[in-house]
PDB file of N, CA and C in Angstrom:
ATOM      1  N   UNK A   1      42.936 -42.437  -0.997  1.00  0.00           N
ATOM      2  CA  UNK A   1      41.961 -42.096  -2.006  1.00  0.00           C
ATOM      3  C   UNK A   1      41.166 -40.880  -1.516  1.00  0.00           C
ATOM      4  N   UNK A   2      40.963 -39.908  -2.381  1.00  0.00           N
ATOM      5  CA  UNK A   2      40.223 -38.702  -2.032  1.00  0.00           C
ATOM      6  C   UNK A   2      38.723 -38.939  -2.152  1.00  0.00           C
ATOM      7  N   UNK A   3      37.983 -38.325  -1.236  1.00  0.00           N
ATOM      8  CA  UNK A   3      36.527 -38.389  -1.299  1.00  0.00           C
ATOM      9  C   UNK A   3      36.045 -37.510  -2.447  1.00  0.00           C
ATOM     10  N   UNK A   4      35.069 -37.986  -3.168  1.00  0.00           N
ATOM     11  CA  UNK A   4      34.503 -37.238  -4.289  1.00  0.00           C
ATOM     12  C   UNK A   4      33.436 -36.294  -3.757  1.00  0.00           C
ATOM     13  N   UNK A   5      33.530 -35.023  -4.109  1.00  0.00           N
ATOM     14  CA  UNK A   5      32.529 -34.055  -3.708  1.00  0.00           C
ATOM     15  C   UNK A   5      31.532 -33.867  -4.844  1.00  0.00           C
ATOM     16  N   UNK A   6      30.283 -34.206  -4.584  1.00  0.00           N
ATOM     17  CA  UNK A   6      29.248 -34.009  -5.585  1.00  0.00           C
ATOM     18  C   UNK A   6      28.783 -32.563  -5.532  1.00  0.00           C
ATOM     19  N   UNK A   7      28.946 -31.863  -6.642  1.00  0.00           N
ATOM     20  CA  UNK A   7      28.535 -30.470  -6.734  1.00  0.00           C
ATOM     21  C   UNK A   7      27.383 -30.376  -7.718  1.00  0.00           C
ATOM     22  N   UNK A   8      26.317 -29.721  -7.284  1.00  0.00           N
ATOM     23  CA  UNK A   8      25.170 -29.469  -8.157  1.00  0.00           C
ATOM     24  C   UNK A   8      24.978 -27.973  -8.271  1.00  0.00           C
ATOM     25  N   UNK A   9      24.341 -27.556  -9.353  1.00  0.00           N
ATOM     26  CA  UNK A   9      24.032 -26.150  -9.568  1.00  0.00           C
ATOM     27  C   UNK A   9      22.545 -25.929  -9.323  1.00  0.00           C
ATOM     28  N   UNK A  10      22.234 -24.889  -8.551  1.00  0.00           N
ATOM     29  CA  UNK A  10      20.860 -24.613  -8.147  1.00  0.00           C
ATOM     30  C   UNK A  10      20.424 -23.221  -8.593  1.00  0.00           C
ATOM     31  N   UNK A  11      19.111 -23.041  -8.575  1.00  0.00           N
ATOM     32  CA  UNK A  11      18.513 -21.723  -8.735  1.00  0.00           C
ATOM     33  C   UNK A  11      17.928 -21.340  -7.381  1.00  0.00           C
ATOM     34  N   UNK A  12      18.216 -20.118  -6.961  1.00  0.00           N
ATOM     35  CA  UNK A  12      17.711 -19.596  -5.704  1.00  0.00           C
ATOM     36  C   UNK A  12      16.496 -18.726  -6.003  1.00  0.00           C
ATOM     37  N   UNK A  13      15.403 -18.953  -5.300  1.00  0.00           N
ATOM     38  CA  UNK A  13      14.206 -18.127  -5.406  1.00  0.00           C
ATOM     39  C   UNK A  13      13.946 -17.481  -4.060  1.00  0.00           C
ATOM     40  N   UNK A  14      13.688 -16.170  -4.062  1.00  0.00           N
ATOM     41  CA  UNK A  14      13.375 -15.427  -2.846  1.00  0.00           C
ATOM     42  C   UNK A  14      12.056 -14.703  -3.082  1.00  0.00           C
ATOM     43  N   UNK A  15      11.054 -15.006  -2.270  1.00  0.00           N
ATOM     44  CA  UNK A  15       9.738 -14.375  -2.378  1.00  0.00           C
ATOM     45  C   UNK A  15       9.720 -13.174  -1.446  1.00  0.00           C
ATOM     46  N   UNK A  16       9.431 -11.984  -2.008  1.00  0.00           N
ATOM     47  CA  UNK A  16       9.497 -10.763  -1.209  1.00  0.00           C
ATOM     48  C   UNK A  16       8.512  -9.712  -1.692  1.00  0.00           C
ATOM     49  N   UNK A  17       8.318  -8.706  -0.853  1.00  0.00           N
ATOM     50  CA  UNK A  17       7.524  -7.520  -1.175  1.00  0.00           C
ATOM     51  C   UNK A  17       8.280  -6.332  -0.609  1.00  0.00           C
ATOM     52  N   UNK A  18       8.105  -5.148  -1.224  1.00  0.00           N
ATOM     53  CA  UNK A  18       8.860  -3.987  -0.740  1.00  0.00           C
ATOM     54  C   UNK A  18       8.232  -2.682  -1.186  1.00  0.00           C
ATOM     55  N   UNK A  19       8.517  -1.661  -0.399  1.00  0.00           N
ATOM     56  CA  UNK A  19       8.211  -0.284  -0.755  1.00  0.00           C
ATOM     57  C   UNK A  19       9.567   0.415  -0.837  1.00  0.00           C
ATOM     58  N   UNK A  20      10.014   0.732  -2.031  1.00  0.00           N
ATOM     59  CA  UNK A  20      11.345   1.293  -2.240  1.00  0.00           C
ATOM     60  C   UNK A  20      12.300   0.204  -2.695  1.00  0.00           C
ATOM     61  N   UNK A  21      13.406   0.606  -3.302  1.00  0.00           N
ATOM     62  CA  UNK A  21      14.393  -0.328  -3.839  1.00  0.00           C
ATOM     63  C   UNK A  21      15.485  -0.567  -2.795  1.00  0.00           C
ATOM     64  N   UNK A  22      15.734  -1.835  -2.472  1.00  0.00           N
ATOM     65  CA  UNK A  22      16.787  -2.205  -1.539  1.00  0.00           C
ATOM     66  C   UNK A  22      17.697  -3.243  -2.167  1.00  0.00           C
ATOM     67  N   UNK A  23      18.590  -3.809  -1.362  1.00  0.00           N
ATOM     68  CA  UNK A  23      19.499  -4.844  -1.866  1.00  0.00           C
ATOM     69  C   UNK A  23      19.852  -5.811  -0.746  1.00  0.00           C
ATOM     70  N   UNK A  24      20.125  -7.059  -1.125  1.00  0.00           N
ATOM     71  CA  UNK A  24      20.519  -8.101  -0.189  1.00  0.00           C
ATOM     72  C   UNK A  24      21.400  -9.093  -0.921  1.00  0.00           C
ATOM     73  N   UNK A  25      22.023  -9.988  -0.185  1.00  0.00           N
ATOM     74  CA  UNK A  25      22.716 -11.118  -0.803  1.00  0.00           C
ATOM     75  C   UNK A  25      22.560 -12.330   0.106  1.00  0.00           C
ATOM     76  N   UNK A  26      22.849 -13.492  -0.428  1.00  0.00           N
ATOM     77  CA  UNK A  26      22.807 -14.719   0.351  1.00  0.00           C
ATOM     78  C   UNK A  26      24.189 -15.335   0.427  1.00  0.00           C
ATOM     79  N   UNK A  27      24.484 -15.851   1.597  1.00  0.00           N
ATOM     80  CA  UNK A  27      25.751 -16.544   1.830  1.00  0.00           C
ATOM     81  C   UNK A  27      25.483 -18.001   2.122  1.00  0.00           C
ATOM     82  N   UNK A  28      26.369 -18.849   1.653  1.00  0.00           N
ATOM     83  CA  UNK A  28      26.359 -20.262   2.018  1.00  0.00           C
ATOM     84  C   UNK A  28      27.683 -20.533   2.700  1.00  0.00           C
ATOM     85  N   UNK A  29      27.597 -20.957   3.939  1.00  0.00           N
ATOM     86  CA  UNK A  29      28.788 -21.236   4.754  1.00  0.00           C
ATOM     87  C   UNK A  29      29.746 -20.042   4.789  1.00  0.00           C
ATOM     88  N   UNK A  30      29.196 -18.834   4.890  1.00  0.00           N
ATOM     89  CA  UNK A  30      29.999 -17.621   5.019  1.00  0.00           C
ATOM     90  C   UNK A  30      30.519 -17.035   3.725  1.00  0.00           C
ATOM     91  N   UNK A  31      30.148 -17.615   2.570  1.00  0.00           N
ATOM     92  CA  UNK A  31      30.616 -17.126   1.275  1.00  0.00           C
ATOM     93  C   UNK A  31      29.438 -16.520   0.512  1.00  0.00           C
ATOM     94  N   UNK A  32      29.605 -15.293   0.033  1.00  0.00           N
ATOM     95  CA  UNK A  32      28.571 -14.634  -0.754  1.00  0.00           C
ATOM     96  C   UNK A  32      28.435 -15.381  -2.081  1.00  0.00           C
ATOM     97  N   UNK A  33      27.289 -16.018  -2.305  1.00  0.00           N
ATOM     98  CA  UNK A  33      27.101 -16.828  -3.509  1.00  0.00           C
ATOM     99  C   UNK A  33      26.199 -16.167  -4.544  1.00  0.00           C
ATOM    100  N   UNK A  34      25.593 -15.036  -4.203  1.00  0.00           N
ATOM    101  CA  UNK A  34      24.676 -14.388  -5.134  1.00  0.00           C
ATOM    102  C   UNK A  34      25.160 -13.043  -5.647  1.00  0.00           C
ATOM    103  N   UNK A  35      26.078 -12.392  -4.930  1.00  0.00           N
ATOM    104  CA  UNK A  35      26.358 -11.003  -5.236  1.00  0.00           C
ATOM    105  C   UNK A  35      25.140 -10.190  -4.823  1.00  0.00           C
ATOM    106  N   UNK A  36      25.204  -8.888  -4.984  1.00  0.00           N
ATOM    107  CA  UNK A  36      24.081  -8.031  -4.594  1.00  0.00           C
ATOM    108  C   UNK A  36      22.854  -8.338  -5.448  1.00  0.00           C
ATOM    109  N   UNK A  37      21.725  -8.560  -4.787  1.00  0.00           N
ATOM    110  CA  UNK A  37      20.453  -8.790  -5.476  1.00  0.00           C
ATOM    111  C   UNK A  37      19.551  -7.597  -5.177  1.00  0.00           C
ATOM    112  N   UNK A  38      19.039  -6.979  -6.230  1.00  0.00           N
ATOM    113  CA  UNK A  38      18.206  -5.793  -6.076  1.00  0.00           C
ATOM    114  C   UNK A  38      16.770  -6.179  -5.750  1.00  0.00           C
ATOM    115  N   UNK A  39      16.217  -5.489  -4.770  1.00  0.00           N
ATOM    116  CA  UNK A  39      14.806  -5.648  -4.416  1.00  0.00           C
ATOM    117  C   UNK A  39      14.033  -4.627  -5.239  1.00  0.00           C
ATOM    118  N   UNK A  40      13.093  -5.072  -6.075  1.00  0.00           N
ATOM    119  CA  UNK A  40      12.324  -4.117  -6.869  1.00  0.00           C
ATOM    120  C   UNK A  40      11.304  -3.372  -6.005  1.00  0.00           C
ATOM    121  N   UNK A  41      10.989  -2.143  -6.394  1.00  0.00           N
ATOM    122  CA  UNK A  41       9.968  -1.366  -5.697  1.00  0.00           C
ATOM    123  C   UNK A  41       8.603  -1.873  -6.142  1.00  0.00           C
ATOM    124  N   UNK A  42       7.996  -2.714  -5.333  1.00  0.00           N
ATOM    125  CA  UNK A  42       6.700  -3.297  -5.658  1.00  0.00           C
ATOM    126  C   UNK A  42       5.570  -2.351  -5.253  1.00  0.00           C
ATOM    127  N   UNK A  43       5.855  -1.492  -4.273  1.00  0.00           N
ATOM    128  CA  UNK A  43       4.886  -0.489  -3.868  1.00  0.00           C
ATOM    129  C   UNK A  43       3.936  -0.907  -2.752  1.00  0.00           C
ATOM    130  N   UNK A  44       4.131  -2.107  -2.216  1.00  0.00           N
ATOM    131  CA  UNK A  44       3.266  -2.590  -1.132  1.00  0.00           C
ATOM    132  C   UNK A  44       3.996  -3.681  -0.359  1.00  0.00           C
ATOM    133  N   UNK A  45       3.670  -3.806   0.928  1.00  0.00           N
ATOM    134  CA  UNK A  45       4.329  -4.791   1.791  1.00  0.00           C
ATOM    135  C   UNK A  45       3.711  -6.184   1.693  1.00  0.00           C
ATOM    136  N   UNK A  46       2.565  -6.340   1.041  1.00  0.00           N
ATOM    137  CA  UNK A  46       1.929  -7.646   0.921  1.00  0.00           C
ATOM    138  C   UNK A  46       1.652  -8.029  -0.538  1.00  0.00           C
ATOM    139  N   UNK A  47       2.264  -7.323  -1.480  1.00  0.00           N
ATOM    140  CA  UNK A  47       2.177  -7.684  -2.893  1.00  0.00           C
ATOM    141  C   UNK A  47       3.490  -8.378  -3.234  1.00  0.00           C
ATOM    142  N   UNK A  48       3.425  -9.691  -3.448  1.00  0.00           N
ATOM    143  CA  UNK A  48       4.623 -10.527  -3.516  1.00  0.00           C
ATOM    144  C   UNK A  48       5.141 -10.707  -4.934  1.00  0.00           C
ATOM    145  N   UNK A  49       6.455 -10.814  -5.037  1.00  0.00           N
ATOM    146  CA  UNK A  49       7.123 -11.177  -6.282  1.00  0.00           C
ATOM    147  C   UNK A  49       8.285 -12.107  -5.924  1.00  0.00           C
ATOM    148  N   UNK A  50       8.769 -12.851  -6.904  1.00  0.00           N
ATOM    149  CA  UNK A  50       9.893 -13.752  -6.676  1.00  0.00           C
ATOM    150  C   UNK A  50      11.109 -13.256  -7.453  1.00  0.00           C
ATOM    151  N   UNK A  51      12.229 -13.103  -6.742  1.00  0.00           N
ATOM    152  CA  UNK A  51      13.510 -12.711  -7.337  1.00  0.00           C
ATOM    153  C   UNK A  51      14.370 -13.975  -7.368  1.00  0.00           C
ATOM    154  N   UNK A  52      14.995 -14.260  -8.520  1.00  0.00           N
ATOM    155  CA  UNK A  52      15.755 -15.505  -8.674  1.00  0.00           C
ATOM    156  C   UNK A  52      17.204 -15.241  -9.071  1.00  0.00           C
ATOM    157  N   UNK A  53      18.055 -16.190  -8.719  1.00  0.00           N
ATOM    158  CA  UNK A  53      19.474 -16.174  -9.114  1.00  0.00           C
ATOM    159  C   UNK A  53      19.842 -17.587  -9.533  1.00  0.00           C
ATOM    160  N   UNK A  54      20.344 -17.753 -10.743  1.00  0.00           N
ATOM    161  CA  UNK A  54      20.717 -19.073 -11.252  1.00  0.00           C
ATOM    162  C   UNK A  54      22.212 -19.310 -11.062  1.00  0.00           C
ATOM    163  N   UNK A  55      22.616 -20.565 -11.211  1.00  0.00           N
ATOM    164  CA  UNK A  55      24.032 -20.921 -11.244  1.00  0.00           C
ATOM    165  C   UNK A  55      24.729 -20.970  -9.900  1.00  0.00           C
ATOM    166  N   UNK A  56      24.008 -21.270  -8.836  1.00  0.00           N
ATOM    167  CA  UNK A  56      24.628 -21.362  -7.517  1.00  0.00           C
ATOM    168  C   UNK A  56      25.105 -22.792  -7.299  1.00  0.00           C
ATOM    169  N   UNK A  57      26.424 -22.982  -7.202  1.00  0.00           N
ATOM    170  CA  UNK A  57      27.020 -24.309  -7.020  1.00  0.00           C
ATOM    171  C   UNK A  57      27.091 -24.638  -5.532  1.00  0.00           C
ATOM    172  N   UNK A  58      26.719 -25.878  -5.208  1.00  0.00           N
ATOM    173  CA  UNK A  58      26.737 -26.310  -3.812  1.00  0.00           C
ATOM    174  C   UNK A  58      26.988 -27.812  -3.749  1.00  0.00           C
ATOM    175  N   UNK A  59      27.795 -28.211  -2.780  1.00  0.00           N
ATOM    176  CA  UNK A  59      28.062 -29.625  -2.571  1.00  0.00           C
ATOM    177  C   UNK A  59      26.922 -30.263  -1.787  1.00  0.00           C
ATOM    178  N   UNK A  60      26.863 -31.580  -1.798  1.00  0.00           N
ATOM    179  CA  UNK A  60      25.869 -32.310  -1.024  1.00  0.00           C
ATOM    180  C   UNK A  60      26.154 -32.153   0.465  1.00  0.00           C
ATOM    181  N   UNK A  61      25.108 -32.230   1.269  1.00  0.00           N
ATOM    182  CA  UNK A  61      25.280 -32.160   2.716  1.00  0.00           C
ATOM    183  C   UNK A  61      24.702 -30.904   3.325  1.00  0.00           C
ATOM    184  N   UNK A  62      24.769 -30.803   4.638  1.00  0.00           N
ATOM    185  CA  UNK A  62      24.205 -29.635   5.328  1.00  0.00           C
ATOM    186  C   UNK A  62      25.055 -28.385   5.128  1.00  0.00           C
ATOM    187  N   UNK A  63      24.385 -27.241   5.051  1.00  0.00           N
ATOM    188  CA  UNK A  63      25.041 -25.951   4.880  1.00  0.00           C
ATOM    189  C   UNK A  63      24.307 -24.904   5.711  1.00  0.00           C
ATOM    190  N   UNK A  64      24.975 -23.786   5.967  1.00  0.00           N
ATOM    191  CA  UNK A  64      24.354 -22.654   6.645  1.00  0.00           C
ATOM    192  C   UNK A  64      24.058 -21.599   5.591  1.00  0.00           C
ATOM    193  N   UNK A  65      22.774 -21.253   5.450  1.00  0.00           N
ATOM    194  CA  UNK A  65      22.333 -20.230   4.512  1.00  0.00           C
ATOM    195  C   UNK A  65      22.024 -18.968   5.313  1.00  0.00           C
ATOM    196  N   UNK A  66      22.622 -17.847   4.920  1.00  0.00           N
ATOM    197  CA  UNK A  66      22.423 -16.588   5.649  1.00  0.00           C
ATOM    198  C   UNK A  66      21.943 -15.511   4.687  1.00  0.00           C
ATOM    199  N   UNK A  67      20.850 -14.849   5.057  1.00  0.00           N
ATOM    200  CA  UNK A  67      20.305 -13.725   4.315  1.00  0.00           C
ATOM    201  C   UNK A  67      20.909 -12.451   4.892  1.00  0.00           C
ATOM    202  N   UNK A  68      21.602 -11.666   4.051  1.00  0.00           N
ATOM    203  CA  UNK A  68      22.318 -10.473   4.506  1.00  0.00           C
ATOM    204  C   UNK A  68      21.717  -9.241   3.834  1.00  0.00           C
ATOM    205  N   UNK A  69      21.335  -8.240   4.637  1.00  0.00           N
ATOM    206  CA  UNK A  69      20.775  -6.995   4.110  1.00  0.00           C
ATOM    207  C   UNK A  69      21.924  -6.054   3.735  1.00  0.00           C
ATOM    208  N   UNK A  70      21.895  -5.534   2.504  1.00  0.00           N
ATOM    209  CA  UNK A  70      22.964  -4.665   2.022  1.00  0.00           C
ATOM    210  C   UNK A  70      22.566  -3.194   1.965  1.00  0.00           C
ATOM    211  N   UNK A  71      21.350  -2.893   1.520  1.00  0.00           N
ATOM    212  CA  UNK A  71      20.927  -1.498   1.377  1.00  0.00           C
ATOM    213  C   UNK A  71      19.428  -1.386   1.585  1.00  0.00           C
ATOM    214  N   UNK A  72      19.024  -0.376   2.347  1.00  0.00           N
ATOM    215  CA  UNK A  72      17.599  -0.164   2.590  1.00  0.00           C
ATOM    216  C   UNK A  72      16.990   0.685   1.486  1.00  0.00           C
ATOM    217  N   UNK A  73      15.685   0.506   1.318  1.00  0.00           N
ATOM    218  CA  UNK A  73      14.947   1.322   0.360  1.00  0.00           C
ATOM    219  C   UNK A  73      14.506   2.627   1.004  1.00  0.00           C
ATOM    220  N   UNK A  74      13.679   3.394   0.298  1.00  0.00           N
ATOM    221  CA  UNK A  74      13.220   4.691   0.794  1.00  0.00           C
ATOM    222  C   UNK A  74      12.368   4.564   2.053  1.00  0.00           C
ATOM    223  N   UNK A  75      11.847   3.372   2.308  1.00  0.00           N
ATOM    224  CA  UNK A  75      11.027   3.132   3.506  1.00  0.00           C
ATOM    225  C   UNK A  75      11.885   2.930   4.758  1.00  0.00           C
ATOM    226  N   UNK A  76      13.191   2.757   4.574  1.00  0.00           N
ATOM    227  CA  UNK A  76      14.076   2.466   5.701  1.00  0.00           C
ATOM    228  C   UNK A  76      14.249   0.980   5.944  1.00  0.00           C
ATOM    229  N   UNK A  77      13.577   0.156   5.149  1.00  0.00           N
ATOM    230  CA  UNK A  77      13.682  -1.304   5.244  1.00  0.00           C
ATOM    231  C   UNK A  77      14.147  -1.864   3.908  1.00  0.00           C
ATOM    232  N   UNK A  78      14.624  -3.100   3.934  1.00  0.00           N
ATOM    233  CA  UNK A  78      15.055  -3.742   2.687  1.00  0.00           C
ATOM    234  C   UNK A  78      13.851  -4.356   1.982  1.00  0.00           C
ATOM    235  N   UNK A  79      13.123  -5.242   2.680  1.00  0.00           N
ATOM    236  CA  UNK A  79      11.976  -5.915   2.082  1.00  0.00           C
ATOM    237  C   UNK A  79      11.245  -6.714   3.148  1.00  0.00           C
ATOM    238  N   UNK A  80      10.103  -7.197   2.785  1.00  0.00           N
ATOM    239  CA  UNK A  80       9.329  -8.145   3.579  1.00  0.00           C
ATOM    240  C   UNK A  80       9.577  -9.504   2.937  1.00  0.00           C
ATOM    241  N   UNK A  81      10.349 -10.373   3.571  1.00  0.00           N
ATOM    242  CA  UNK A  81      10.715 -11.672   3.001  1.00  0.00           C
ATOM    243  C   UNK A  81       9.717 -12.730   3.438  1.00  0.00           C
ATOM    244  N   UNK A  82       9.198 -13.478   2.459  1.00  0.00           N
ATOM    245  CA  UNK A  82       8.195 -14.507   2.715  1.00  0.00           C
ATOM    246  C   UNK A  82       8.822 -15.884   2.803  1.00  0.00           C
ATOM    247  N   UNK A  83       9.641 -16.259   1.794  1.00  0.00           N
ATOM    248  CA  UNK A  83      10.329 -17.542   1.808  1.00  0.00           C
ATOM    249  C   UNK A  83      11.546 -17.529   0.895  1.00  0.00           C
ATOM    250  N   UNK A  84      12.414 -18.532   1.112  1.00  0.00           N
ATOM    251  CA  UNK A  84      13.615 -18.741   0.298  1.00  0.00           C
ATOM    252  C   UNK A  84      13.621 -20.208  -0.118  1.00  0.00           C
ATOM    253  N   UNK A  85      13.889 -20.492  -1.384  1.00  0.00           N
ATOM    254  CA  UNK A  85      13.899 -21.874  -1.863  1.00  0.00           C
ATOM    255  C   UNK A  85      15.094 -22.089  -2.797  1.00  0.00           C
ATOM    256  N   UNK A  86      15.671 -23.277  -2.736  1.00  0.00           N
ATOM    257  CA  UNK A  86      16.717 -23.707  -3.670  1.00  0.00           C
ATOM    258  C   UNK A  86      16.106 -24.817  -4.518  1.00  0.00           C
ATOM    259  N   UNK A  87      16.246 -24.697  -5.825  1.00  0.00           N
ATOM    260  CA  UNK A  87      15.713 -25.744  -6.708  1.00  0.00           C
ATOM    261  C   UNK A  87      16.722 -26.062  -7.794  1.00  0.00           C
TER     262      UNK A  87
END
């Protein structure tokens, strides 16, 4: 008998601030699950906004979540990341 894998769909929220437009993606267990996510130019390193991605499927159990920087903004950095949440 095969074990049943419970898969749920989540929304990913990333709280960040940035000067310049950058890009990042998130991986779960080595797989890019978000595609490139654009960091908006907020204009300050301590003015926070939340960027979200819906429809992320994940099975129950422990996973490795990795934040990957794809492109830097005009400041030479991607963003100031405050927190990451799955809901």
